[in-house]
N, C-alpha and C. Protein backbone atom coordinates (compact mmCIF):
# COMPACT_ATOMS: atom_id res chain seq x y z
N MET A 1 0.87 -1.03 -0.06
CA MET A 1 -0.06 -0.07 -0.10
C MET A 1 0.81 1.47 0.04
N VAL A 2 0.45 2.26 -0.81
CA VAL A 2 1.41 3.40 -0.84
C VAL A 2 0.71 4.65 0.00
N GLN A 3 1.18 5.36 0.52
CA GLN A 3 0.65 6.33 1.14
C GLN A 3 0.62 7.52 0.11
N LYS A 4 -0.61 8.49 0.00
CA LYS A 4 -0.86 9.24 -0.89
C LYS A 4 -0.06 10.69 -0.81
N GLY A 5 0.60 10.91 -1.79
CA GLY A 5 1.37 12.16 -1.67
C GLY A 5 0.49 13.11 -2.16
N HIS A 6 0.80 14.40 -1.95
CA HIS A 6 -0.15 15.49 -2.39
C HIS A 6 0.81 16.70 -2.75
N ARG A 7 1.93 16.46 -3.09
CA ARG A 7 2.91 17.78 -3.18
C ARG A 7 3.53 17.55 -4.63
N LEU A 8 3.92 18.51 -5.03
CA LEU A 8 4.78 18.66 -6.35
C LEU A 8 5.82 19.52 -6.14
N ARG A 9 6.86 19.11 -6.78
CA ARG A 9 8.33 19.86 -6.08
C ARG A 9 9.26 20.07 -7.29
N PHE A 10 9.73 21.42 -7.01
CA PHE A 10 11.02 21.72 -8.01
C PHE A 10 11.92 22.12 -7.20
N GLY A 11 13.05 22.67 -7.99
CA GLY A 11 14.26 22.96 -7.31
C GLY A 11 14.18 24.68 -7.65
N CYS A 12 14.43 25.46 -6.38
CA CYS A 12 14.53 26.85 -6.55
C CYS A 12 15.56 27.24 -7.24
N THR A 13 15.23 28.07 -8.29
CA THR A 13 16.23 28.81 -8.94
C THR A 13 17.22 29.74 -8.18
N GLY A 14 16.77 30.34 -7.03
CA GLY A 14 17.48 31.04 -6.06
C GLY A 14 18.64 30.14 -5.25
N CYS A 15 17.94 29.40 -4.33
CA CYS A 15 18.69 28.74 -3.47
C CYS A 15 19.03 26.94 -3.68
N HIS A 16 18.40 26.79 -4.81
CA HIS A 16 18.34 25.28 -5.33
C HIS A 16 18.10 24.26 -4.21
N ARG A 17 17.13 24.76 -3.49
CA ARG A 17 16.51 23.91 -2.41
C ARG A 17 15.26 23.54 -2.90
N PRO A 18 14.43 22.59 -2.47
CA PRO A 18 13.12 21.87 -2.98
C PRO A 18 12.13 22.74 -2.56
N VAL A 19 11.09 23.51 -3.49
CA VAL A 19 10.22 24.26 -3.33
C VAL A 19 8.77 23.31 -3.74
N GLU A 20 8.08 22.92 -2.45
CA GLU A 20 6.89 22.11 -2.57
C GLU A 20 5.56 22.85 -2.61
N PHE A 21 4.67 22.29 -3.45
CA PHE A 21 3.52 22.88 -3.60
C PHE A 21 2.45 21.97 -4.05
N SER A 22 1.22 22.55 -4.15
CA SER A 22 -0.15 21.83 -4.51
C SER A 22 -0.79 22.83 -5.14
N VAL A 23 -1.00 22.46 -6.62
CA VAL A 23 -1.77 23.16 -7.41
C VAL A 23 -3.25 23.18 -7.03
N LEU A 24 -3.60 22.20 -6.57
CA LEU A 24 -5.10 22.36 -5.74
C LEU A 24 -5.12 22.95 -4.51
N GLU A 25 -4.26 23.71 -4.05
CA GLU A 25 -4.07 24.61 -2.66
C GLU A 25 -4.20 26.25 -3.43
N LEU A 26 -3.72 26.30 -4.59
CA LEU A 26 -3.52 27.59 -5.12
C LEU A 26 -4.80 28.34 -5.12
N THR A 27 -5.22 29.60 -4.81
CA THR A 27 -6.63 30.09 -5.24
C THR A 27 -6.59 30.71 -6.54
N PRO A 28 -7.63 30.95 -7.02
CA PRO A 28 -7.66 31.75 -8.53
C PRO A 28 -7.06 33.04 -8.30
N THR A 29 -7.10 33.84 -7.03
CA THR A 29 -6.53 35.25 -6.95
C THR A 29 -5.18 35.14 -6.42
N GLU A 30 -4.60 34.07 -5.88
CA GLU A 30 -3.33 33.93 -5.19
C GLU A 30 -2.84 32.79 -5.77
N ARG A 31 -1.89 32.82 -7.00
CA ARG A 31 -1.25 31.94 -7.57
C ARG A 31 0.31 32.11 -7.33
N VAL A 32 0.85 32.47 -6.33
CA VAL A 32 2.20 32.54 -5.97
C VAL A 32 2.62 31.44 -5.21
N ILE A 33 3.69 31.07 -5.64
CA ILE A 33 4.35 29.65 -4.57
C ILE A 33 5.89 30.56 -4.24
N THR A 34 5.92 30.51 -3.02
CA THR A 34 7.09 31.02 -2.31
C THR A 34 8.00 29.73 -1.75
N CYS A 35 9.29 29.94 -2.08
CA CYS A 35 10.39 29.30 -1.69
C CYS A 35 10.59 29.60 -0.16
N ALA A 36 10.31 28.44 0.72
CA ALA A 36 10.27 28.48 2.36
C ALA A 36 11.63 28.68 2.79
N HIS A 37 12.88 28.57 1.99
CA HIS A 37 14.14 29.03 2.54
C HIS A 37 14.72 30.10 2.34
N CYS A 38 14.41 30.58 0.85
CA CYS A 38 15.05 31.89 0.62
C CYS A 38 13.90 33.20 0.21
N HIS A 39 12.70 32.47 0.12
CA HIS A 39 11.48 33.29 -0.01
C HIS A 39 11.21 33.77 -1.34
N LYS A 40 12.11 33.16 -2.27
CA LYS A 40 11.82 33.90 -3.62
C LYS A 40 10.24 33.37 -4.29
N GLY A 41 9.49 34.12 -4.96
CA GLY A 41 8.45 33.65 -5.21
C GLY A 41 8.34 33.50 -6.82
N TYR A 42 7.34 32.53 -7.09
CA TYR A 42 7.01 31.94 -8.36
C TYR A 42 5.55 32.30 -8.77
N SER A 43 5.23 32.93 -9.61
CA SER A 43 3.98 33.38 -9.79
C SER A 43 3.64 32.34 -11.26
N LEU A 44 2.36 31.84 -10.76
CA LEU A 44 1.70 30.82 -12.06
C LEU A 44 0.54 31.57 -12.76
N GLU A 45 0.80 32.38 -13.45
CA GLU A 45 -0.05 33.27 -14.22
C GLU A 45 -0.34 32.71 -15.52
N ASP A 46 0.68 31.68 -16.10
CA ASP A 46 0.38 31.05 -17.56
C ASP A 46 -0.92 29.78 -17.38
N GLU A 47 -1.86 30.21 -18.14
CA GLU A 47 -3.15 29.27 -17.55
C GLU A 47 -2.67 28.05 -18.39
N THR A 48 -1.85 27.91 -19.55
CA THR A 48 -1.63 26.44 -19.86
C THR A 48 -0.51 25.71 -18.80
N LEU A 49 0.24 26.46 -18.40
CA LEU A 49 1.22 25.75 -17.36
C LEU A 49 0.51 25.40 -16.25
N LEU A 50 -0.51 26.25 -15.64
CA LEU A 50 -1.48 25.66 -14.62
C LEU A 50 -2.16 24.61 -15.04
N ARG A 51 -2.61 24.55 -16.37
CA ARG A 51 -3.78 23.47 -16.63
C ARG A 51 -2.82 22.02 -16.80
N GLN A 52 -1.64 22.24 -17.18
CA GLN A 52 -0.79 21.07 -17.30
C GLN A 52 -0.35 20.81 -15.88
N LEU A 53 -0.18 21.33 -14.99
CA LEU A 53 0.37 20.93 -13.59
C LEU A 53 -0.75 20.34 -13.04
N THR A 54 -2.15 21.06 -13.15
CA THR A 54 -3.58 20.26 -12.57
C THR A 54 -3.70 18.75 -13.12
N LYS A 55 -3.37 18.83 -14.40
CA LYS A 55 -3.47 17.50 -14.99
C LYS A 55 -2.42 16.52 -14.57
N PHE A 56 -1.23 16.96 -14.47
CA PHE A 56 -0.16 16.12 -14.09
C PHE A 56 -0.44 15.54 -12.46
N GLU A 57 -0.85 16.42 -11.57
CA GLU A 57 -1.30 16.18 -10.36
C GLU A 57 -2.20 15.09 -10.19
N ALA A 58 -3.41 15.57 -11.01
CA ALA A 58 -4.57 14.68 -10.93
C ALA A 58 -4.22 13.11 -11.33
N LEU A 59 -3.35 12.95 -12.49
CA LEU A 59 -2.82 11.72 -13.06
C LEU A 59 -2.30 11.04 -11.73
N CYS A 60 -1.27 11.58 -11.26
CA CYS A 60 -0.42 11.19 -10.13
C CYS A 60 -1.51 10.54 -9.02
N ARG A 61 -2.43 11.50 -8.56
CA ARG A 61 -3.48 10.99 -7.57
C ARG A 61 -4.05 9.99 -8.14
N GLN A 62 -4.61 9.80 -9.44
CA GLN A 62 -5.44 8.76 -9.76
C GLN A 62 -4.67 7.55 -9.99
N ILE A 63 -3.45 7.39 -10.04
CA ILE A 63 -2.66 6.06 -9.91
C ILE A 63 -2.69 5.72 -8.73
N VAL A 64 -2.57 6.53 -7.54
CA VAL A 64 -2.70 5.98 -6.53
C VAL A 64 -3.96 5.60 -5.81
N GLU A 65 -5.04 6.33 -6.32
CA GLU A 65 -6.48 5.88 -6.09
C GLU A 65 -6.66 4.72 -6.69
N SER A 66 -6.00 4.30 -7.77
CA SER A 66 -6.70 2.90 -8.53
C SER A 66 -5.38 1.84 -7.91
N GLU A 67 -4.95 1.91 -6.72
CA GLU A 67 -4.15 1.07 -6.43
C GLU A 67 -4.70 -0.22 -6.13
N GLU A 68 -5.93 -0.14 -5.81
CA GLU A 68 -6.94 -1.62 -5.39
C GLU A 68 -6.82 -2.45 -6.71
N ILE A 69 -7.10 -1.66 -7.76
CA ILE A 69 -6.93 -2.34 -9.34
C ILE A 69 -5.49 -2.84 -9.74
N LEU A 70 -4.84 -1.75 -9.58
CA LEU A 70 -3.43 -1.91 -10.04
C LEU A 70 -2.66 -3.17 -9.25
N SER A 71 -2.92 -2.94 -8.20
CA SER A 71 -2.07 -3.98 -7.50
C SER A 71 -2.18 -5.47 -7.90
N HIS A 72 -3.19 -5.71 -8.87
CA HIS A 72 -3.48 -7.16 -9.14
C HIS A 72 -2.94 -7.35 -10.84
N THR A 73 -2.39 -6.10 -11.46
CA THR A 73 -1.95 -6.14 -12.41
C THR A 73 -0.30 -6.22 -12.76
N SER A 74 0.38 -6.33 -13.73
CA SER A 74 1.64 -6.35 -13.98
C SER A 74 1.86 -5.77 -15.41
N VAL A 75 3.22 -5.17 -15.36
CA VAL A 75 3.49 -4.31 -16.61
C VAL A 75 4.63 -5.26 -17.24
N GLY A 76 4.49 -5.50 -18.58
CA GLY A 76 5.32 -6.16 -19.39
C GLY A 76 6.57 -5.36 -19.91
N ILE A 77 7.80 -5.76 -19.75
CA ILE A 77 9.13 -5.04 -20.22
C ILE A 77 9.63 -5.83 -20.90
N ASP A 78 10.23 -5.68 -22.19
CA ASP A 78 10.82 -6.24 -22.97
C ASP A 78 12.30 -6.09 -22.84
N VAL A 79 13.00 -7.40 -22.23
CA VAL A 79 14.46 -7.24 -21.90
C VAL A 79 15.33 -8.26 -22.82
N GLY A 80 15.87 -7.70 -23.73
CA GLY A 80 16.71 -8.50 -24.68
C GLY A 80 15.40 -9.33 -25.45
N GLY A 81 15.41 -10.77 -25.51
CA GLY A 81 14.59 -11.34 -26.23
C GLY A 81 13.23 -11.79 -25.44
N ARG A 82 13.30 -11.33 -24.19
CA ARG A 82 12.23 -12.12 -23.17
C ARG A 82 11.59 -10.69 -22.69
N GLN A 83 10.25 -11.11 -22.09
CA GLN A 83 9.40 -10.28 -21.55
C GLN A 83 9.48 -10.62 -20.06
N VAL A 84 9.46 -9.43 -19.51
CA VAL A 84 9.62 -9.54 -17.95
C VAL A 84 8.15 -8.88 -17.16
N GLN A 85 7.54 -9.86 -16.52
CA GLN A 85 6.51 -9.19 -16.05
C GLN A 85 6.54 -8.91 -14.55
N VAL A 86 6.65 -7.23 -14.38
CA VAL A 86 6.74 -6.67 -13.10
C VAL A 86 5.53 -6.28 -12.61
N PRO A 87 5.20 -6.80 -11.28
CA PRO A 87 3.90 -6.53 -10.69
C PRO A 87 3.89 -4.99 -10.51
N TYR A 88 2.70 -4.59 -10.75
CA TYR A 88 2.43 -2.86 -10.73
C TYR A 88 2.60 -2.61 -8.99
N LYS A 89 2.13 -3.66 -8.33
CA LYS A 89 2.14 -3.04 -6.70
C LYS A 89 3.91 -2.81 -6.49
N LEU A 90 4.60 -3.44 -7.12
CA LEU A 90 6.28 -3.20 -6.94
C LEU A 90 6.33 -1.77 -7.54
N LEU A 91 6.06 -1.42 -8.83
CA LEU A 91 6.34 -0.18 -9.14
C LEU A 91 5.72 0.95 -8.73
N LEU A 92 4.47 0.61 -7.68
CA LEU A 92 4.08 1.79 -6.92
C LEU A 92 4.76 2.15 -5.85
N THR A 93 5.48 0.98 -5.31
CA THR A 93 6.48 1.53 -4.05
C THR A 93 7.58 2.21 -4.86
N ARG A 94 7.87 2.27 -6.01
CA ARG A 94 9.09 3.01 -6.59
C ARG A 94 8.61 4.13 -7.36
N PHE A 95 7.21 4.62 -7.50
CA PHE A 95 6.78 5.58 -8.13
C PHE A 95 7.36 6.73 -8.01
N ASN A 96 7.95 7.22 -8.90
CA ASN A 96 8.33 8.67 -8.73
C ASN A 96 8.28 9.25 -10.26
N SER A 97 7.56 10.39 -10.19
CA SER A 97 6.89 10.76 -11.50
C SER A 97 7.41 12.18 -11.77
N SER A 98 7.94 12.92 -12.86
CA SER A 98 8.23 14.02 -13.22
C SER A 98 7.50 14.53 -14.67
N LEU A 99 7.68 15.86 -14.44
CA LEU A 99 7.37 16.35 -15.80
C LEU A 99 8.59 17.77 -16.10
N GLU A 100 8.75 17.61 -17.25
CA GLU A 100 10.06 18.35 -17.95
C GLU A 100 9.48 19.44 -18.51
N LEU A 101 9.36 20.77 -17.97
CA LEU A 101 9.15 21.85 -18.58
C LEU A 101 9.96 22.92 -19.22
N ASP A 102 9.59 23.84 -19.98
CA ASP A 102 10.43 25.02 -20.58
C ASP A 102 9.82 26.32 -19.77
N ILE A 103 10.22 26.87 -18.85
CA ILE A 103 9.40 28.10 -18.22
C ILE A 103 10.46 29.22 -18.51
N GLY A 104 9.80 29.83 -19.51
CA GLY A 104 10.81 31.24 -19.99
C GLY A 104 12.21 31.16 -20.39
N GLY A 105 12.31 30.02 -21.25
CA GLY A 105 13.56 29.36 -21.69
C GLY A 105 14.48 28.59 -20.80
N THR A 106 13.94 28.54 -19.32
CA THR A 106 14.77 27.70 -18.41
C THR A 106 14.01 26.40 -18.17
N PRO A 107 14.87 25.11 -18.53
CA PRO A 107 14.33 23.98 -18.16
C PRO A 107 13.92 23.66 -16.73
N MET A 108 12.91 23.18 -16.50
CA MET A 108 12.65 22.84 -15.07
C MET A 108 11.87 21.57 -14.76
N THR A 109 12.19 20.87 -13.79
CA THR A 109 11.59 19.67 -13.66
C THR A 109 10.67 19.68 -12.37
N ILE A 110 9.42 19.09 -12.80
CA ILE A 110 8.44 19.28 -11.54
C ILE A 110 8.31 17.74 -11.29
N ASP A 111 8.56 17.54 -9.92
CA ASP A 111 8.57 15.96 -9.49
C ASP A 111 7.09 15.87 -8.56
N PHE A 112 6.67 14.64 -8.91
CA PHE A 112 5.55 14.25 -7.57
C PHE A 112 6.12 13.06 -7.19
N ARG A 113 6.23 12.83 -5.75
CA ARG A 113 6.81 11.81 -5.11
C ARG A 113 5.79 11.11 -4.21
N LEU A 114 5.71 9.68 -4.37
CA LEU A 114 4.96 9.05 -3.24
C LEU A 114 5.87 8.10 -2.68
N GLU A 115 5.65 8.05 -1.25
CA GLU A 115 6.40 7.57 -0.57
C GLU A 115 5.82 5.98 0.24
N PRO A 116 6.63 5.06 0.23
CA PRO A 116 5.69 3.98 0.85
C PRO A 116 5.49 4.22 2.31
N LEU A 117 4.55 3.50 2.94
CA LEU A 117 3.96 3.71 4.22
C LEU A 117 5.37 3.66 5.29
N LYS A 118 5.06 4.21 6.20
CA LYS A 118 6.25 4.35 7.17
C LYS A 118 6.54 2.74 7.90
N ASP A 119 5.76 2.08 7.96
CA ASP A 119 5.99 0.52 8.64
C ASP A 119 6.52 -0.49 7.51
N ARG A 120 6.89 0.08 6.41
CA ARG A 120 7.58 -0.78 5.45
C ARG A 120 9.14 -0.10 5.09
N PRO A 121 10.16 -0.83 4.55
CA PRO A 121 11.27 -0.33 4.07
C PRO A 121 11.05 0.48 3.13
N ASN A 122 11.70 1.72 3.03
CA ASN A 122 11.82 2.63 1.89
C ASN A 122 12.63 2.18 1.04
N LEU A 123 12.21 1.43 -0.10
CA LEU A 123 12.86 1.18 -1.07
C LEU A 123 13.10 2.17 -2.28
N ALA A 124 12.56 3.19 -2.13
CA ALA A 124 12.64 4.20 -3.20
C ALA A 124 13.72 5.19 -3.14
N LYS A 125 14.45 5.20 -1.83
CA LYS A 125 15.56 6.02 -1.52
C LYS A 125 16.45 5.78 -2.35
N GLY A 126 17.53 6.62 -2.86
CA GLY A 126 18.68 6.34 -3.50
C GLY A 126 19.44 7.37 -4.18
């Protein structure tokens, strides 16, 4: 079972530390994300970017919500001349999704990370 994550994350261009946020927590009048470390502000005024981030966050959440179904499925991966079946339940424990964007000519990676429950070993660290 996977603990539901709810944060997107990117590296601050000022201090290079992680800036965490949720698109769903932004209000229509207040679309500014502030770095908790250096207090640099990031404005989300671009409707296309905001729509993409909202869809990305919703996709990640839906994968977690579908765990009951996905835990009984597997994903086939072709390795050499063979196909290896990887249980989706195993993939969920290592789920690390990112969205690569070009914002104002600067490449930026937005991460969505889901961590295993605390009573299980964290195999996703590395």
